[in-house]
PDB file of N, CA and C in Angstrom:
ATOM      1  N   MET A   1     100.759  94.312 130.472  1.00  0.00           N
ATOM      2  CA  MET A   1     101.102  94.437 129.071  1.00  0.00           C
ATOM      3  C   MET A   1     101.799  93.174 128.577  1.00  0.00           C
ATOM      4  N   ILE A   2     102.724  92.648 129.364  1.00  0.00           N
ATOM      5  CA  ILE A   2     103.454  91.456 128.961  1.00  0.00           C
ATOM      6  C   ILE A   2     102.493  90.267 128.852  1.00  0.00           C
ATOM      7  N   ARG A   3     101.574  90.158 129.797  1.00  0.00           N
ATOM      8  CA  ARG A   3     100.592  89.072 129.753  1.00  0.00           C
ATOM      9  C   ARG A   3      99.716  89.188 128.512  1.00  0.00           C
ATOM     10  N   TYR A   4      99.322  90.398 128.170  1.00  0.00           N
ATOM     11  CA  TYR A   4      98.529  90.644 126.966  1.00  0.00           C
ATOM     12  C   TYR A   4      99.288  90.168 125.726  1.00  0.00           C
ATOM     13  N   MET A   5     100.574  90.478 125.684  1.00  0.00           N
ATOM     14  CA  MET A   5     101.388  90.062 124.544  1.00  0.00           C
ATOM     15  C   MET A   5     101.515  88.541 124.482  1.00  0.00           C
ATOM     16  N   GLN A   6     101.697  87.912 125.626  1.00  0.00           N
ATOM     17  CA  GLN A   6     101.823  86.457 125.653  1.00  0.00           C
ATOM     18  C   GLN A   6     100.527  85.782 125.201  1.00  0.00           C
ATOM     19  N   GLU A   7      99.392  86.308 125.653  1.00  0.00           N
ATOM     20  CA  GLU A   7      98.102  85.742 125.256  1.00  0.00           C
ATOM     21  C   GLU A   7      97.875  85.901 123.757  1.00  0.00           C
ATOM     22  N   HIS A   8      98.201  87.060 123.231  1.00  0.00           N
ATOM     23  CA  HIS A   8      98.047  87.280 121.790  1.00  0.00           C
ATOM     24  C   HIS A   8      98.948  86.333 121.016  1.00  0.00           C
ATOM     25  N   GLU A   9     100.177  86.195 121.461  1.00  0.00           N
ATOM     26  CA  GLU A   9     101.119  85.314 120.770  1.00  0.00           C
ATOM     27  C   GLU A   9     100.639  83.866 120.799  1.00  0.00           C
ATOM     28  N   ARG A  10     100.131  83.424 121.952  1.00  0.00           N
ATOM     29  CA  ARG A  10      99.603  82.059 122.041  1.00  0.00           C
ATOM     30  C   ARG A  10      98.431  81.849 121.085  1.00  0.00           C
ATOM     31  N   SER A  11      97.528  82.832 121.018  1.00  0.00           N
ATOM     32  CA  SER A  11      96.363  82.680 120.139  1.00  0.00           C
ATOM     33  C   SER A  11      96.775  82.666 118.667  1.00  0.00           C
ATOM     34  N   VAL A  12      97.760  83.474 118.298  1.00  0.00           N
ATOM     35  CA  VAL A  12      98.237  83.482 116.914  1.00  0.00           C
ATOM     36  C   VAL A  12      98.887  82.144 116.578  1.00  0.00           C
ATOM     37  N   LEU A  13      99.726  81.640 117.477  1.00  0.00           N
ATOM     38  CA  LEU A  13     100.381  80.357 117.232  1.00  0.00           C
ATOM     39  C   LEU A  13      99.370  79.225 117.120  1.00  0.00           C
ATOM     40  N   LYS A  14      98.349  79.274 117.973  1.00  0.00           N
ATOM     41  CA  LYS A  14      97.299  78.246 117.932  1.00  0.00           C
ATOM     42  C   LYS A  14      96.567  78.284 116.592  1.00  0.00           C
ATOM     43  N   LEU A  15      96.249  79.489 116.125  1.00  0.00           N
ATOM     44  CA  LEU A  15      95.574  79.607 114.835  1.00  0.00           C
ATOM     45  C   LEU A  15      96.478  79.163 113.685  1.00  0.00           C
ATOM     46  N   LEU A  16      97.757  79.472 113.772  1.00  0.00           N
ATOM     47  CA  LEU A  16      98.687  79.056 112.714  1.00  0.00           C
ATOM     48  C   LEU A  16      98.847  77.539 112.669  1.00  0.00           C
ATOM     49  N   GLU A  17      98.803  76.916 113.835  1.00  0.00           N
ATOM     50  CA  GLU A  17      98.925  75.454 113.881  1.00  0.00           C
ATOM     51  C   GLU A  17      97.712  74.756 113.270  1.00  0.00           C
ATOM     52  N   SER A  18      96.577  75.434 113.241  1.00  0.00           N
ATOM     53  CA  SER A  18      95.365  74.830 112.659  1.00  0.00           C
ATOM     54  C   SER A  18      95.342  74.949 111.135  1.00  0.00           C
ATOM     55  N   HIS A  19      96.396  75.525 110.549  1.00  0.00           N
ATOM     56  CA  HIS A  19      96.521  75.698 109.099  1.00  0.00           C
ATOM     57  C   HIS A  19      95.277  76.374 108.505  1.00  0.00           C
ATOM     58  N   PRO A  20      95.101  77.659 108.824  1.00  0.00           N
ATOM     59  CA  PRO A  20      93.908  78.368 108.333  1.00  0.00           C
ATOM     60  C   PRO A  20      93.955  78.566 106.819  1.00  0.00           C
ATOM     61  N   ASP A  21      92.765  78.766 106.239  1.00  0.00           N
ATOM     62  CA  ASP A  21      92.720  79.036 104.806  1.00  0.00           C
ATOM     63  C   ASP A  21      93.225  80.451 104.531  1.00  0.00           C
ATOM     64  N   ARG A  22      93.345  80.801 103.277  1.00  0.00           N
ATOM     65  CA  ARG A  22      93.934  82.082 102.864  1.00  0.00           C
ATOM     66  C   ARG A  22      93.187  83.273 103.456  1.00  0.00           C
ATOM     67  N   LYS A  23      91.861  83.229 103.436  1.00  0.00           N
ATOM     68  CA  LYS A  23      91.064  84.355 103.931  1.00  0.00           C
ATOM     69  C   LYS A  23      91.298  84.574 105.426  1.00  0.00           C
ATOM     70  N   LYS A  24      91.295  83.493 106.209  1.00  0.00           N
ATOM     71  CA  LYS A  24      91.528  83.603 107.654  1.00  0.00           C
ATOM     72  C   LYS A  24      92.954  84.067 107.940  1.00  0.00           C
ATOM     73  N   LEU A  25      93.895  83.579 107.143  1.00  0.00           N
ATOM     74  CA  LEU A  25      95.292  83.967 107.340  1.00  0.00           C
ATOM     75  C   LEU A  25      95.493  85.453 107.040  1.00  0.00           C
ATOM     76  N   CYS A  26      94.833  85.950 105.998  1.00  0.00           N
ATOM     77  CA  CYS A  26      94.918  87.391 105.681  1.00  0.00           C
ATOM     78  C   CYS A  26      94.323  88.231 106.803  1.00  0.00           C
ATOM     79  N   LYS A  27      93.194  87.782 107.326  1.00  0.00           N
ATOM     80  CA  LYS A  27      92.553  88.509 108.439  1.00  0.00           C
ATOM     81  C   LYS A  27      93.452  88.468 109.685  1.00  0.00           C
ATOM     82  N   LEU A  28      94.027  87.299 109.959  1.00  0.00           N
ATOM     83  CA  LEU A  28      94.924  87.171 111.105  1.00  0.00           C
ATOM     84  C   LEU A  28      96.146  88.067 110.948  1.00  0.00           C
ATOM     85  N   LEU A  29      96.711  88.101 109.754  1.00  0.00           N
ATOM     86  CA  LEU A  29      97.879  88.946 109.500  1.00  0.00           C
ATOM     87  C   LEU A  29      97.542  90.425 109.687  1.00  0.00           C
ATOM     88  N   ALA A  30      96.393  90.856 109.183  1.00  0.00           N
ATOM     89  CA  ALA A  30      95.990  92.258 109.335  1.00  0.00           C
ATOM     90  C   ALA A  30      95.809  92.609 110.809  1.00  0.00           C
ATOM     91  N   ASP A  31      95.156  91.705 111.558  1.00  0.00           N
ATOM     92  CA  ASP A  31      94.954  91.949 112.986  1.00  0.00           C
ATOM     93  C   ASP A  31      96.290  91.953 113.725  1.00  0.00           C
ATOM     94  N   HIS A  32      97.153  91.031 113.377  1.00  0.00           N
ATOM     95  CA  HIS A  32      98.458  90.939 114.034  1.00  0.00           C
ATOM     96  C   HIS A  32      99.304  92.184 113.743  1.00  0.00           C
ATOM     97  N   ASP A  33      99.286  92.654 112.501  1.00  0.00           N
ATOM     98  CA  ASP A  33     100.033  93.868 112.163  1.00  0.00           C
ATOM     99  C   ASP A  33      99.490  95.089 112.911  1.00  0.00           C
ATOM    100  N   LYS A  34      98.184  95.116 113.128  1.00  0.00           N
ATOM    101  CA  LYS A  34      97.590  96.208 113.913  1.00  0.00           C
ATOM    102  C   LYS A  34      98.082  96.137 115.361  1.00  0.00           C
ATOM    103  N   GLN A  35      98.146  94.921 115.906  1.00  0.00           N
ATOM    104  CA  GLN A  35      98.658  94.748 117.265  1.00  0.00           C
ATOM    105  C   GLN A  35     100.132  95.182 117.352  1.00  0.00           C
ATOM    106  N   ILE A  36     100.895  94.863 116.318  1.00  0.00           N
ATOM    107  CA  ILE A  36     102.308  95.276 116.292  1.00  0.00           C
ATOM    108  C   ILE A  36     102.416  96.797 116.322  1.00  0.00           C
ATOM    109  N   SER A  37     101.578  97.474 115.545  1.00  0.00           N
ATOM    110  CA  SER A  37     101.665  98.943 115.535  1.00  0.00           C
ATOM    111  C   SER A  37     101.312  99.519 116.905  1.00  0.00           C
ATOM    112  N   TRP A  38     100.362  98.907 117.594  1.00  0.00           N
ATOM    113  CA  TRP A  38     100.028  99.369 118.948  1.00  0.00           C
ATOM    114  C   TRP A  38     101.207  99.140 119.895  1.00  0.00           C
ATOM    115  N   MET A  39     101.838  97.993 119.760  1.00  0.00           N
ATOM    116  CA  MET A  39     102.975  97.689 120.634  1.00  0.00           C
ATOM    117  C   MET A  39     104.176  98.574 120.319  1.00  0.00           C
ATOM    118  N   GLN A  40     104.339  98.968 119.057  1.00  0.00           N
ATOM    119  CA  GLN A  40     105.424  99.886 118.724  1.00  0.00           C
ATOM    120  C   GLN A  40     105.212 101.226 119.423  1.00  0.00           C
ATOM    121  N   HIS A  41     103.960 101.664 119.471  1.00  0.00           N
ATOM    122  CA  HIS A  41     103.653 102.903 120.191  1.00  0.00           C
ATOM    123  C   HIS A  41     103.936 102.714 121.680  1.00  0.00           C
ATOM    124  N   GLU A  42     103.543 101.581 122.217  1.00  0.00           N
ATOM    125  CA  GLU A  42     103.767 101.288 123.632  1.00  0.00           C
ATOM    126  C   GLU A  42     105.265 101.252 123.938  1.00  0.00           C
ATOM    127  N   ARG A  43     106.044 100.664 123.041  1.00  0.00           N
ATOM    128  CA  ARG A  43     107.501 100.624 123.224  1.00  0.00           C
ATOM    129  C   ARG A  43     108.082 102.024 123.271  1.00  0.00           C
ATOM    130  N   LEU A  44     107.635 102.883 122.372  1.00  0.00           N
ATOM    131  CA  LEU A  44     108.142 104.249 122.337  1.00  0.00           C
ATOM    132  C   LEU A  44     107.832 104.986 123.642  1.00  0.00           C
ATOM    133  N   VAL A  45     106.611 104.843 124.122  1.00  0.00           N
ATOM    134  CA  VAL A  45     106.222 105.498 125.379  1.00  0.00           C
ATOM    135  C   VAL A  45     107.077 104.986 126.531  1.00  0.00           C
ATOM    136  N   HIS A  46     107.268 103.664 126.594  1.00  0.00           N
ATOM    137  CA  HIS A  46     108.071 103.099 127.680  1.00  0.00           C
ATOM    138  C   HIS A  46     109.544 103.471 127.551  1.00  0.00           C
ATOM    139  N   LEU A  47     110.043 103.583 126.329  1.00  0.00           N
ATOM    140  CA  LEU A  47     111.434 104.006 126.136  1.00  0.00           C
ATOM    141  C   LEU A  47     111.638 105.433 126.644  1.00  0.00           C
ATOM    142  N   ILE A  48     110.737 106.321 126.277  1.00  0.00           N
ATOM    143  CA  ILE A  48     110.852 107.714 126.723  1.00  0.00           C
ATOM    144  C   ILE A  48     110.765 107.794 128.245  1.00  0.00           C
ATOM    145  N   THR A  49     109.816 107.073 128.818  1.00  0.00           N
ATOM    146  CA  THR A  49     109.662 107.074 130.274  1.00  0.00           C
ATOM    147  C   THR A  49     110.913 106.521 130.946  1.00  0.00           C
ATOM    148  N   MET A  50     111.420 105.414 130.419  1.00  0.00           N
ATOM    149  CA  MET A  50     112.615 104.807 130.997  1.00  0.00           C
ATOM    150  C   MET A  50     113.808 105.757 130.922  1.00  0.00           C
ATOM    151  N   MET A  51     113.943 106.458 129.813  1.00  0.00           N
ATOM    152  CA  MET A  51     115.063 107.383 129.672  1.00  0.00           C
ATOM    153  C   MET A  51     114.971 108.523 130.689  1.00  0.00           C
ATOM    154  N   PHE A  52     113.767 109.024 130.924  1.00  0.00           N
ATOM    155  CA  PHE A  52     113.622 110.089 131.911  1.00  0.00           C
ATOM    156  C   PHE A  52     113.891 109.584 133.326  1.00  0.00           C
ATOM    157  N   VAL A  53     113.423 108.385 133.640  1.00  0.00           N
ATOM    158  CA  VAL A  53     113.689 107.827 134.972  1.00  0.00           C
ATOM    159  C   VAL A  53     115.189 107.623 135.151  1.00  0.00           C
ATOM    160  N   CYS A  54     115.870 107.139 134.109  1.00  0.00           N
ATOM    161  CA  CYS A  54     117.343 106.980 134.178  1.00  0.00           C
ATOM    162  C   CYS A  54     118.026 108.334 134.377  1.00  0.00           C
ATOM    163  N   LEU A  55     117.573 109.333 133.638  1.00  0.00           N
ATOM    164  CA  LEU A  55     118.147 110.672 133.773  1.00  0.00           C
ATOM    165  C   LEU A  55     117.972 111.193 135.199  1.00  0.00           C
ATOM    166  N   PHE A  56     116.756 111.051 135.745  1.00  0.00           N
ATOM    167  CA  PHE A  56     116.509 111.525 137.109  1.00  0.00           C
ATOM    168  C   PHE A  56     117.327 110.733 138.126  1.00  0.00           C
ATOM    169  N   PHE A  57     117.525 109.424 137.859  1.00  0.00           N
ATOM    170  CA  PHE A  57     118.372 108.645 138.759  1.00  0.00           C
ATOM    171  C   PHE A  57     119.798 109.203 138.758  1.00  0.00           C
ATOM    172  N   PHE A  58     120.355 109.444 137.571  1.00  0.00           N
ATOM    173  CA  PHE A  58     121.727 109.955 137.506  1.00  0.00           C
ATOM    174  C   PHE A  58     121.841 111.334 138.145  1.00  0.00           C
ATOM    175  N   LEU A  59     120.825 112.168 137.961  1.00  0.00           N
ATOM    176  CA  LEU A  59     120.835 113.487 138.619  1.00  0.00           C
ATOM    177  C   LEU A  59     120.783 113.333 140.138  1.00  0.00           C
ATOM    178  N   ALA A  60     119.896 112.450 140.607  1.00  0.00           N
ATOM    179  CA  ALA A  60     119.786 112.231 142.055  1.00  0.00           C
ATOM    180  C   ALA A  60     121.063 111.607 142.611  1.00  0.00           C
ATOM    181  N   PHE A  61     121.666 110.692 141.850  1.00  0.00           N
ATOM    182  CA  PHE A  61     122.906 110.058 142.292  1.00  0.00           C
ATOM    183  C   PHE A  61     124.032 111.094 142.385  1.00  0.00           C
ATOM    184  N   GLY A  62     124.126 111.959 141.386  1.00  0.00           N
ATOM    185  CA  GLY A  62     125.127 113.020 141.423  1.00  0.00           C
ATOM    186  C   GLY A  62     124.894 113.969 142.588  1.00  0.00           C
ATOM    187  N   PHE A  63     123.639 114.319 142.819  1.00  0.00           N
ATOM    188  CA  PHE A  63     123.312 115.194 143.944  1.00  0.00           C
ATOM    189  C   PHE A  63     123.630 114.498 145.265  1.00  0.00           C
ATOM    190  N   MET A  64     123.391 113.181 145.317  1.00  0.00           N
ATOM    191  CA  MET A  64     123.678 112.416 146.529  1.00  0.00           C
ATOM    192  C   MET A  64     125.186 112.406 146.818  1.00  0.00           C
ATOM    193  N   LEU A  65     125.998 112.349 145.767  1.00  0.00           N
ATOM    194  CA  LEU A  65     127.441 112.364 145.982  1.00  0.00           C
ATOM    195  C   LEU A  65     127.917 113.690 146.562  1.00  0.00           C
ATOM    196  N   ILE A  66     127.216 114.758 146.219  1.00  0.00           N
ATOM    197  CA  ILE A  66     127.579 116.080 146.734  1.00  0.00           C
ATOM    198  C   ILE A  66     127.021 116.299 148.134  1.00  0.00           C
ATOM    199  N   HIS A  67     125.737 115.943 148.301  1.00  0.00           N
ATOM    200  CA  HIS A  67     125.042 116.116 149.589  1.00  0.00           C
ATOM    201  C   HIS A  67     124.642 114.740 150.105  1.00  0.00           C
ATOM    202  N   PHE A  68     125.505 114.119 150.857  1.00  0.00           N
ATOM    203  CA  PHE A  68     125.269 112.760 151.338  1.00  0.00           C
ATOM    204  C   PHE A  68     124.368 112.791 152.568  1.00  0.00           C
ATOM    205  N   ILE A  69     123.059 112.970 152.301  1.00  0.00           N
ATOM    206  CA  ILE A  69     122.075 112.992 153.391  1.00  0.00           C
ATOM    207  C   ILE A  69     120.997 111.952 153.085  1.00  0.00           C
ATOM    208  N   ILE A  70     120.279 111.548 154.109  1.00  0.00           N
ATOM    209  CA  ILE A  70     119.296 110.460 154.004  1.00  0.00           C
ATOM    210  C   ILE A  70     118.257 110.694 152.897  1.00  0.00           C
ATOM    211  N   PRO A  71     117.625 111.859 152.800  1.00  0.00           N
ATOM    212  CA  PRO A  71     116.628 112.030 151.736  1.00  0.00           C
ATOM    213  C   PRO A  71     117.211 111.844 150.326  1.00  0.00           C
ATOM    214  N   CYS A  72     118.423 112.313 150.102  1.00  0.00           N
ATOM    215  CA  CYS A  72     119.064 112.139 148.793  1.00  0.00           C
ATOM    216  C   CYS A  72     119.372 110.671 148.520  1.00  0.00           C
ATOM    217  N   ILE A  73     119.830 109.984 149.553  1.00  0.00           N
ATOM    218  CA  ILE A  73     120.130 108.560 149.405  1.00  0.00           C
ATOM    219  C   ILE A  73     118.857 107.788 149.077  1.00  0.00           C
ATOM    220  N   LEU A  74     117.779 108.079 149.800  1.00  0.00           N
ATOM    221  CA  LEU A  74     116.506 107.399 149.568  1.00  0.00           C
ATOM    222  C   LEU A  74     115.964 107.676 148.165  1.00  0.00           C
ATOM    223  N   LEU A  75     116.083 108.909 147.732  1.00  0.00           N
ATOM    224  CA  LEU A  75     115.622 109.258 146.387  1.00  0.00           C
ATOM    225  C   LEU A  75     116.430 108.511 145.328  1.00  0.00           C
ATOM    226  N   ALA A  76     117.741 108.464 145.499  1.00  0.00           N
ATOM    227  CA  ALA A  76     118.587 107.768 144.535  1.00  0.00           C
ATOM    228  C   ALA A  76     118.276 106.271 144.512  1.00  0.00           C
ATOM    229  N   VAL A  77     118.070 105.679 145.676  1.00  0.00           N
ATOM    230  CA  VAL A  77     117.736 104.248 145.742  1.00  0.00           C
ATOM    231  C   VAL A  77     116.383 103.985 145.100  1.00  0.00           C
ATOM    232  N   LEU A  78     115.406 104.823 145.380  1.00  0.00           N
ATOM    233  CA  LEU A  78     114.080 104.662 144.775  1.00  0.00           C
ATOM    234  C   LEU A  78     114.152 104.760 143.260  1.00  0.00           C
ATOM    235  N   LEU A  79     114.874 105.744 142.766  1.00  0.00           N
ATOM    236  CA  LEU A  79     115.003 105.904 141.316  1.00  0.00           C
ATOM    237  C   LEU A  79     115.821 104.768 140.693  1.00  0.00           C
ATOM    238  N   LEU A  80     116.775 104.221 141.437  1.00  0.00           N
ATOM    239  CA  LEU A  80     117.521 103.073 140.940  1.00  0.00           C
ATOM    240  C   LEU A  80     116.601 101.860 140.785  1.00  0.00           C
ATOM    241  N   VAL A  81     115.761 101.632 141.765  1.00  0.00           N
ATOM    242  CA  VAL A  81     114.804 100.517 141.697  1.00  0.00           C
ATOM    243  C   VAL A  81     113.858 100.711 140.516  1.00  0.00           C
ATOM    244  N   LEU A  82     113.346 101.924 140.335  1.00  0.00           N
ATOM    245  CA  LEU A  82     112.461 102.204 139.195  1.00  0.00           C
ATOM    246  C   LEU A  82     113.188 102.024 137.868  1.00  0.00           C
ATOM    247  N   THR A  83     114.444 102.436 137.803  1.00  0.00           N
ATOM    248  CA  THR A  83     115.235 102.299 136.581  1.00  0.00           C
ATOM    249  C   THR A  83     115.406 100.825 136.223  1.00  0.00           C
ATOM    250  N   VAL A  84     115.757 100.016 137.200  1.00  0.00           N
ATOM    251  CA  VAL A  84     115.934  98.584 136.946  1.00  0.00           C
ATOM    252  C   VAL A  84     114.616  97.952 136.516  1.00  0.00           C
ATOM    253  N   ALA A  85     113.526  98.315 137.187  1.00  0.00           N
ATOM    254  CA  ALA A  85     112.216  97.759 136.832  1.00  0.00           C
ATOM    255  C   ALA A  85     111.825  98.155 135.405  1.00  0.00           C
ATOM    256  N   TYR A  86     112.041  99.402 135.025  1.00  0.00           N
ATOM    257  CA  TYR A  86     111.720  99.846 133.661  1.00  0.00           C
ATOM    258  C   TYR A  86     112.597  99.142 132.631  1.00  0.00           C
ATOM    259  N   MET A  87     113.864  98.937 132.953  1.00  0.00           N
ATOM    260  CA  MET A  87     114.744  98.252 132.003  1.00  0.00           C
ATOM    261  C   MET A  87     114.298  96.811 131.776  1.00  0.00           C
ATOM    262  N   ILE A  88     113.932  96.132 132.835  1.00  0.00           N
ATOM    263  CA  ILE A  88     113.445  94.757 132.703  1.00  0.00           C
ATOM    264  C   ILE A  88     112.157  94.728 131.890  1.00  0.00           C
ATOM    265  N   HIS A  89     111.230  95.639 132.201  1.00  0.00           N
ATOM    266  CA  HIS A  89     109.963  95.689 131.472  1.00  0.00           C
ATOM    267  C   HIS A  89     110.195  96.016 129.997  1.00  0.00           C
ATOM    268  N   TYR A  90     111.035  96.980 129.732  1.00  0.00           N
ATOM    269  CA  TYR A  90     111.293  97.365 128.344  1.00  0.00           C
ATOM    270  C   TYR A  90     111.981  96.234 127.585  1.00  0.00           C
ATOM    271  N   TYR A  91     112.880  95.535 128.236  1.00  0.00           N
ATOM    272  CA  TYR A  91     113.562  94.397 127.622  1.00  0.00           C
ATOM    273  C   TYR A  91     112.539  93.330 127.209  1.00  0.00           C
ATOM    274  N   ARG A  92     111.617  93.006 128.107  1.00  0.00           N
ATOM    275  CA  ARG A  92     110.597  92.001 127.802  1.00  0.00           C
ATOM    276  C   ARG A  92     109.656  92.491 126.708  1.00  0.00           C
ATOM    277  N   LEU A  93     109.309  93.763 126.735  1.00  0.00           N
ATOM    278  CA  LEU A  93     108.443  94.347 125.713  1.00  0.00           C
ATOM    279  C   LEU A  93     109.126  94.298 124.350  1.00  0.00           C
ATOM    280  N   GLU A  94     110.378  94.675 124.313  1.00  0.00           N
ATOM    281  CA  GLU A  94     111.134  94.687 123.060  1.00  0.00           C
ATOM    282  C   GLU A  94     111.262  93.276 122.484  1.00  0.00           C
ATOM    283  N   ASN A  95     111.613  92.312 123.329  1.00  0.00           N
ATOM    284  CA  ASN A  95     111.753  90.944 122.846  1.00  0.00           C
ATOM    285  C   ASN A  95     110.419  90.368 122.381  1.00  0.00           C
ATOM    286  N   GLY A  96     109.328  90.731 123.051  1.00  0.00           N
ATOM    287  CA  GLY A  96     108.010  90.272 122.627  1.00  0.00           C
ATOM    288  C   GLY A  96     107.650  90.789 121.243  1.00  0.00           C
ATOM    289  N   VAL A  97     107.923  92.039 120.987  1.00  0.00           N
ATOM    290  CA  VAL A  97     107.625  92.615 119.676  1.00  0.00           C
ATOM    291  C   VAL A  97     108.516  91.983 118.606  1.00  0.00           C
ATOM    292  N   GLN A  98     109.755  91.700 118.945  1.00  0.00           N
ATOM    293  CA  GLN A  98     110.641  91.041 117.984  1.00  0.00           C
ATOM    294  C   GLN A  98     110.101  89.655 117.607  1.00  0.00           C
ATOM    295  N   ARG A  99     109.583  88.929 118.600  1.00  0.00           N
ATOM    296  CA  ARG A  99     108.967  87.624 118.290  1.00  0.00           C
ATOM    297  C   ARG A  99     107.754  87.809 117.392  1.00  0.00           C
ATOM    298  N   TRP A 100     106.986  88.878 117.605  1.00  0.00           N
ATOM    299  CA  TRP A 100     105.803  89.146 116.777  1.00  0.00           C
ATOM    300  C   TRP A 100     106.211  89.430 115.332  1.00  0.00           C
ATOM    301  N   TYR A 101     107.354  90.084 115.130  1.00  0.00           N
ATOM    302  CA  TYR A 101     107.828  90.322 113.769  1.00  0.00           C
ATOM    303  C   TYR A 101     108.059  88.992 113.053  1.00  0.00           C
ATOM    304  N   PHE A 102     108.652  88.025 113.747  1.00  0.00           N
ATOM    305  CA  PHE A 102     108.878  86.712 113.145  1.00  0.00           C
ATOM    306  C   PHE A 102     107.561  86.022 112.811  1.00  0.00           C
ATOM    307  N   LEU A 103     106.567  86.171 113.703  1.00  0.00           N
ATOM    308  CA  LEU A 103     105.250  85.598 113.413  1.00  0.00           C
ATOM    309  C   LEU A 103     104.637  86.236 112.174  1.00  0.00           C
ATOM    310  N   SER A 104     104.761  87.535 112.066  1.00  0.00           N
ATOM    311  CA  SER A 104     104.229  88.249 110.906  1.00  0.00           C
ATOM    312  C   SER A 104     104.921  87.788 109.634  1.00  0.00           C
ATOM    313  N   ASN A 105     106.231  87.626 109.691  1.00  0.00           N
ATOM    314  CA  ASN A 105     106.971  87.132 108.530  1.00  0.00           C
ATOM    315  C   ASN A 105     106.565  85.706 108.181  1.00  0.00           C
ATOM    316  N   ARG A 106     106.304  84.909 109.199  1.00  0.00           N
ATOM    317  CA  ARG A 106     105.859  83.529 108.965  1.00  0.00           C
ATOM    318  C   ARG A 106     104.513  83.508 108.243  1.00  0.00           C
ATOM    319  N   MET A 107     103.600  84.376 108.671  1.00  0.00           N
ATOM    320  CA  MET A 107     102.286  84.447 108.014  1.00  0.00           C
ATOM    321  C   MET A 107     102.430  84.903 106.568  1.00  0.00           C
ATOM    322  N   ARG A 108     103.294  85.883 106.322  1.00  0.00           N
ATOM    323  CA  ARG A 108     103.512  86.356 104.952  1.00  0.00           C
ATOM    324  C   ARG A 108     104.121  85.244 104.073  1.00  0.00           C
ATOM    325  N   GLU A 109     105.028  84.496 104.664  1.00  0.00           N
ATOM    326  CA  GLU A 109     105.630  83.386 103.929  1.00  0.00           C
ATOM    327  C   GLU A 109     104.572  82.317 103.603  1.00  0.00           C
ATOM    328  N   ASP A 110     103.709  82.023 104.553  1.00  0.00           N
ATOM    329  CA  ASP A 110     102.625  81.056 104.305  1.00  0.00           C
ATOM    330  C   ASP A 110     101.713  81.538 103.190  1.00  0.00           C
ATOM    331  N   LEU A 111     101.429  82.842 103.163  1.00  0.00           N
ATOM    332  CA  LEU A 111     100.591  83.382 102.092  1.00  0.00           C
ATOM    333  C   LEU A 111     101.302  83.303 100.745  1.00  0.00           C
ATOM    334  N   ARG A 112     102.605  83.542 100.720  1.00  0.00           N
ATOM    335  CA  ARG A 112     103.367  83.432  99.469  1.00  0.00           C
ATOM    336  C   ARG A 112     103.384  81.986  98.966  1.00  0.00           C
ATOM    337  N   LYS A 113     103.506  81.041  99.886  1.00  0.00           N
ATOM    338  CA  LYS A 113     103.512  79.625  99.503  1.00  0.00           C
ATOM    339  C   LYS A 113     102.170  79.233  98.875  1.00  0.00           C
ATOM    340  N   GLU A 114     101.079  79.793  99.408  1.00  0.00           N
ATOM    341  CA  GLU A 114      99.757  79.471  98.863  1.00  0.00           C
ATOM    342  C   GLU A 114      99.601  80.037  97.443  1.00  0.00           C
ATOM    343  N   ASN A 115     100.243  81.167  97.163  1.00  0.00           N
ATOM    344  CA  ASN A 115     100.158  81.766  95.840  1.00  0.00           C
ATOM    345  C   ASN A 115     100.956  80.974  94.810  1.00  0.00           C
ATOM    346  N   SER A 116     101.989  80.280  95.249  1.00  0.00           N
ATOM    347  CA  SER A 116     102.854  79.547  94.317  1.00  0.00           C
ATOM    348  C   SER A 116     102.212  78.288  93.786  1.00  0.00           C
TER     349      SER A 116
END
């Protein structure tokens, strides 16, 4: 997913650097806004998943404190690793979408400048 976002961002930046005409810029903006809406859905899904993994980690950690046995410890460690991985992924996903918002605003500003 992150690679997909990076490739899309590179292609948008490349097209913006070529100073497209109004029609191409409108098409690019529409496509980019569609990609943003897909990524917003993806962010929501990953946020919900991350929250559940965090919840299960805290439950397993609490259970591990009560019953300090190997299976509980392993479960808590596994869920901790998954929690950290989801947080890193969600952080990168969130920052990528934030950069896309700036690109979208840049395209809108370019279109406003052409109208003036």
